[in-house]
């Protein structure tokens, strides 16, 4: 696999190719994980990077728009992090 562009990221193509190679080596040694699958997709799929950035920005905007007291209450809620 090769990285062909670095659109939607501040990483260079060489840095992305190194990350991709690390993930592929890890998968060869230890098998697939959700993290390596995500990194491989992030390195090779421009649309995935765009959607990932859009999602992260929307979460940041949502948190910034919340009242600080409301956000603090959500973070300090005992149920926070439970499924």
N, C-alpha and C. Protein backbone atom coordinates (compact mmCIF):
# COMPACT_ATOMS: atom_id res chain seq x y z
N UNK A 1 0.84 -1.18 0.00
CA UNK A 1 0.00 0.00 0.00
C UNK A 1 0.88 1.24 0.00
N UNK A 2 0.39 2.25 -0.66
CA UNK A 2 1.13 3.50 -0.73
C UNK A 2 0.21 4.68 -0.45
N UNK A 3 0.77 5.69 0.17
CA UNK A 3 0.07 6.94 0.40
C UNK A 3 0.29 7.81 -0.82
N UNK A 4 -0.81 8.32 -1.40
CA UNK A 4 -0.65 9.10 -2.62
C UNK A 4 -0.85 10.60 -2.43
N UNK A 5 -1.46 11.02 -1.31
CA UNK A 5 -1.62 12.45 -1.08
C UNK A 5 -1.74 12.71 0.41
N UNK A 6 -1.57 13.96 0.77
CA UNK A 6 -1.70 14.33 2.17
C UNK A 6 -2.74 15.43 2.36
N UNK A 7 -3.79 15.36 1.59
CA UNK A 7 -4.86 16.33 1.71
C UNK A 7 -5.59 16.13 3.03
N UNK A 8 -6.00 17.21 3.67
CA UNK A 8 -6.72 17.20 4.94
C UNK A 8 -5.86 16.79 6.12
N UNK A 9 -4.58 17.03 6.05
CA UNK A 9 -3.70 16.74 7.18
C UNK A 9 -2.47 17.62 7.11
N UNK A 10 -1.83 17.78 8.27
CA UNK A 10 -0.59 18.56 8.29
C UNK A 10 0.64 17.66 8.15
N UNK A 11 0.42 16.34 8.12
CA UNK A 11 1.53 15.40 7.96
C UNK A 11 1.99 15.37 6.50
N UNK A 12 3.28 15.09 6.33
CA UNK A 12 3.80 14.95 4.97
C UNK A 12 3.45 13.55 4.45
N UNK A 13 3.57 13.37 3.16
CA UNK A 13 3.31 12.06 2.56
C UNK A 13 4.28 11.03 3.14
N UNK A 14 5.53 11.44 3.35
CA UNK A 14 6.53 10.53 3.91
C UNK A 14 6.15 10.10 5.33
N UNK A 15 5.69 11.03 6.17
CA UNK A 15 5.26 10.68 7.53
C UNK A 15 4.07 9.73 7.51
N UNK A 16 3.15 9.99 6.61
CA UNK A 16 1.98 9.12 6.50
C UNK A 16 2.38 7.73 6.01
N UNK A 17 3.34 7.67 5.08
CA UNK A 17 3.80 6.37 4.58
C UNK A 17 4.50 5.60 5.69
N UNK A 18 5.28 6.29 6.53
CA UNK A 18 5.94 5.63 7.66
C UNK A 18 4.91 5.07 8.64
N UNK A 19 3.87 5.85 8.92
CA UNK A 19 2.81 5.38 9.82
C UNK A 19 2.09 4.17 9.23
N UNK A 20 1.82 4.22 7.95
CA UNK A 20 1.18 3.10 7.27
C UNK A 20 2.05 1.84 7.35
N UNK A 21 3.34 2.00 7.11
CA UNK A 21 4.26 0.86 7.19
C UNK A 21 4.30 0.28 8.60
N UNK A 22 4.32 1.15 9.63
CA UNK A 22 4.30 0.67 11.02
C UNK A 22 3.04 -0.14 11.30
N UNK A 23 1.91 0.35 10.81
CA UNK A 23 0.64 -0.36 11.03
C UNK A 23 0.63 -1.71 10.32
N UNK A 24 1.12 -1.74 9.10
CA UNK A 24 1.15 -3.00 8.35
C UNK A 24 2.11 -4.00 9.01
N UNK A 25 3.25 -3.53 9.50
CA UNK A 25 4.18 -4.40 10.21
C UNK A 25 3.55 -4.95 11.48
N UNK A 26 2.85 -4.08 12.21
CA UNK A 26 2.18 -4.51 13.44
C UNK A 26 1.14 -5.58 13.14
N UNK A 27 0.36 -5.37 12.07
CA UNK A 27 -0.66 -6.35 11.70
C UNK A 27 -0.03 -7.68 11.29
N UNK A 28 1.11 -7.63 10.65
CA UNK A 28 1.78 -8.87 10.27
C UNK A 28 2.26 -9.64 11.49
N UNK A 29 2.70 -8.93 12.51
CA UNK A 29 3.21 -9.58 13.73
C UNK A 29 2.09 -10.05 14.65
N UNK A 30 1.09 -9.19 14.87
CA UNK A 30 0.11 -9.43 15.92
C UNK A 30 -1.33 -9.61 15.44
N UNK A 31 -1.59 -9.39 14.18
CA UNK A 31 -2.95 -9.50 13.66
C UNK A 31 -3.64 -8.15 13.64
N UNK A 32 -4.83 -8.14 13.06
CA UNK A 32 -5.59 -6.90 12.91
C UNK A 32 -6.16 -6.44 14.24
N UNK A 33 -6.19 -5.13 14.41
CA UNK A 33 -6.90 -4.51 15.53
C UNK A 33 -7.73 -3.37 14.95
N UNK A 34 -8.68 -2.89 15.71
CA UNK A 34 -9.49 -1.77 15.22
C UNK A 34 -8.64 -0.52 15.05
N UNK A 35 -7.63 -0.36 15.91
CA UNK A 35 -6.77 0.82 15.81
C UNK A 35 -5.94 0.79 14.54
N UNK A 36 -5.33 -0.36 14.22
CA UNK A 36 -4.52 -0.41 13.00
C UNK A 36 -5.39 -0.30 11.75
N UNK A 37 -6.56 -0.88 11.80
CA UNK A 37 -7.48 -0.76 10.66
C UNK A 37 -7.84 0.70 10.42
N UNK A 38 -8.11 1.44 11.50
CA UNK A 38 -8.46 2.86 11.38
C UNK A 38 -7.27 3.66 10.85
N UNK A 39 -6.07 3.39 11.37
CA UNK A 39 -4.89 4.12 10.90
C UNK A 39 -4.63 3.84 9.42
N UNK A 40 -4.77 2.60 9.01
CA UNK A 40 -4.54 2.26 7.60
C UNK A 40 -5.55 2.98 6.72
N UNK A 41 -6.80 2.98 7.14
CA UNK A 41 -7.82 3.67 6.36
C UNK A 41 -7.55 5.17 6.34
N UNK A 42 -7.12 5.73 7.48
CA UNK A 42 -6.82 7.17 7.55
C UNK A 42 -5.68 7.53 6.60
N UNK A 43 -4.67 6.69 6.54
CA UNK A 43 -3.51 6.97 5.68
C UNK A 43 -3.82 6.82 4.20
N UNK A 44 -4.76 5.95 3.85
CA UNK A 44 -4.97 5.63 2.43
C UNK A 44 -6.23 6.23 1.83
N UNK A 45 -7.16 6.72 2.65
CA UNK A 45 -8.44 7.18 2.12
C UNK A 45 -8.66 8.66 2.45
N UNK A 46 -8.62 9.48 1.41
CA UNK A 46 -8.79 10.92 1.56
C UNK A 46 -10.17 11.27 2.14
N UNK A 47 -11.21 10.59 1.70
CA UNK A 47 -12.57 10.87 2.19
C UNK A 47 -12.69 10.53 3.68
N UNK A 48 -12.03 9.46 4.11
CA UNK A 48 -12.06 9.07 5.53
C UNK A 48 -11.40 10.15 6.38
N UNK A 49 -10.25 10.69 5.91
CA UNK A 49 -9.59 11.78 6.64
C UNK A 49 -10.50 12.99 6.74
N UNK A 50 -11.17 13.33 5.65
CA UNK A 50 -12.07 14.49 5.63
C UNK A 50 -13.21 14.28 6.63
N UNK A 51 -13.83 13.10 6.60
CA UNK A 51 -14.93 12.83 7.53
C UNK A 51 -14.45 12.83 8.97
N UNK A 52 -13.26 12.32 9.20
CA UNK A 52 -12.69 12.29 10.54
C UNK A 52 -12.46 13.71 11.07
N UNK A 53 -11.91 14.57 10.25
CA UNK A 53 -11.68 15.96 10.64
C UNK A 53 -13.00 16.66 10.88
N UNK A 54 -13.98 16.46 10.00
CA UNK A 54 -15.30 17.08 10.17
C UNK A 54 -15.95 16.63 11.47
N UNK A 55 -15.84 15.35 11.80
CA UNK A 55 -16.42 14.84 13.04
C UNK A 55 -15.74 15.47 14.25
N UNK A 56 -14.41 15.51 14.25
CA UNK A 56 -13.69 16.09 15.38
C UNK A 56 -14.02 17.57 15.55
N UNK A 57 -14.14 18.30 14.46
CA UNK A 57 -14.48 19.72 14.54
C UNK A 57 -15.90 19.92 15.05
N UNK A 58 -16.82 19.05 14.66
CA UNK A 58 -18.20 19.20 15.14
C UNK A 58 -18.29 18.93 16.64
N UNK A 59 -17.52 17.96 17.13
CA UNK A 59 -17.49 17.70 18.57
C UNK A 59 -16.92 18.90 19.31
N UNK A 60 -15.85 19.48 18.79
CA UNK A 60 -15.24 20.64 19.43
C UNK A 60 -16.21 21.82 19.45
N UNK A 61 -16.91 22.05 18.33
CA UNK A 61 -17.89 23.14 18.29
C UNK A 61 -19.02 22.91 19.28
N UNK A 62 -19.47 21.67 19.40
CA UNK A 62 -20.55 21.36 20.34
C UNK A 62 -20.10 21.64 21.77
N UNK A 63 -18.89 21.22 22.11
CA UNK A 63 -18.40 21.44 23.47
C UNK A 63 -18.18 22.92 23.76
N UNK A 64 -17.71 23.67 22.78
CA UNK A 64 -17.49 25.11 22.97
C UNK A 64 -18.80 25.86 23.15
N UNK A 65 -19.86 25.37 22.50
CA UNK A 65 -21.15 26.06 22.58
C UNK A 65 -21.89 25.77 23.88
N UNK A 66 -21.44 24.75 24.62
CA UNK A 66 -22.10 24.40 25.88
C UNK A 66 -21.73 25.40 26.97
N UNK A 67 -22.64 25.59 27.86
CA UNK A 67 -22.39 26.38 29.05
C UNK A 67 -21.30 25.66 29.85
N UNK A 68 -20.26 26.37 30.36
CA UNK A 68 -19.19 25.69 31.10
C UNK A 68 -19.68 24.87 32.28
N UNK A 69 -20.73 25.33 32.96
CA UNK A 69 -21.26 24.58 34.10
C UNK A 69 -21.90 23.29 33.62
N UNK A 70 -22.65 23.36 32.51
CA UNK A 70 -23.29 22.16 31.96
C UNK A 70 -22.24 21.15 31.51
N UNK A 71 -21.20 21.62 30.83
CA UNK A 71 -20.13 20.73 30.38
C UNK A 71 -19.44 20.08 31.57
N UNK A 72 -19.16 20.86 32.62
CA UNK A 72 -18.52 20.34 33.82
C UNK A 72 -19.40 19.29 34.48
N UNK A 73 -20.70 19.51 34.51
CA UNK A 73 -21.62 18.54 35.11
C UNK A 73 -21.62 17.22 34.33
N UNK A 74 -21.55 17.31 33.01
CA UNK A 74 -21.53 16.11 32.19
C UNK A 74 -20.24 15.33 32.44
N UNK A 75 -19.12 16.02 32.48
CA UNK A 75 -17.83 15.36 32.67
C UNK A 75 -17.74 14.73 34.06
N UNK A 76 -18.27 15.40 35.08
CA UNK A 76 -18.16 14.91 36.46
C UNK A 76 -19.30 13.99 36.87
N UNK A 77 -20.23 13.70 35.97
CA UNK A 77 -21.33 12.79 36.26
C UNK A 77 -20.78 11.39 36.53
N UNK A 78 -21.28 10.72 37.53
CA UNK A 78 -20.81 9.38 37.87
C UNK A 78 -21.04 8.38 36.75
N UNK A 79 -22.01 8.61 35.92
CA UNK A 79 -22.31 7.69 34.83
C UNK A 79 -21.44 7.94 33.61
N UNK A 80 -20.63 9.00 33.63
CA UNK A 80 -19.79 9.35 32.48
C UNK A 80 -18.83 8.20 32.14
N UNK A 81 -18.85 7.77 30.91
CA UNK A 81 -17.96 6.70 30.46
C UNK A 81 -18.58 5.31 30.57
N UNK A 82 -19.74 5.20 31.17
CA UNK A 82 -20.38 3.89 31.29
C UNK A 82 -21.20 3.60 30.05
N UNK A 83 -21.44 2.33 29.82
CA UNK A 83 -22.24 1.92 28.66
C UNK A 83 -23.58 1.41 29.11
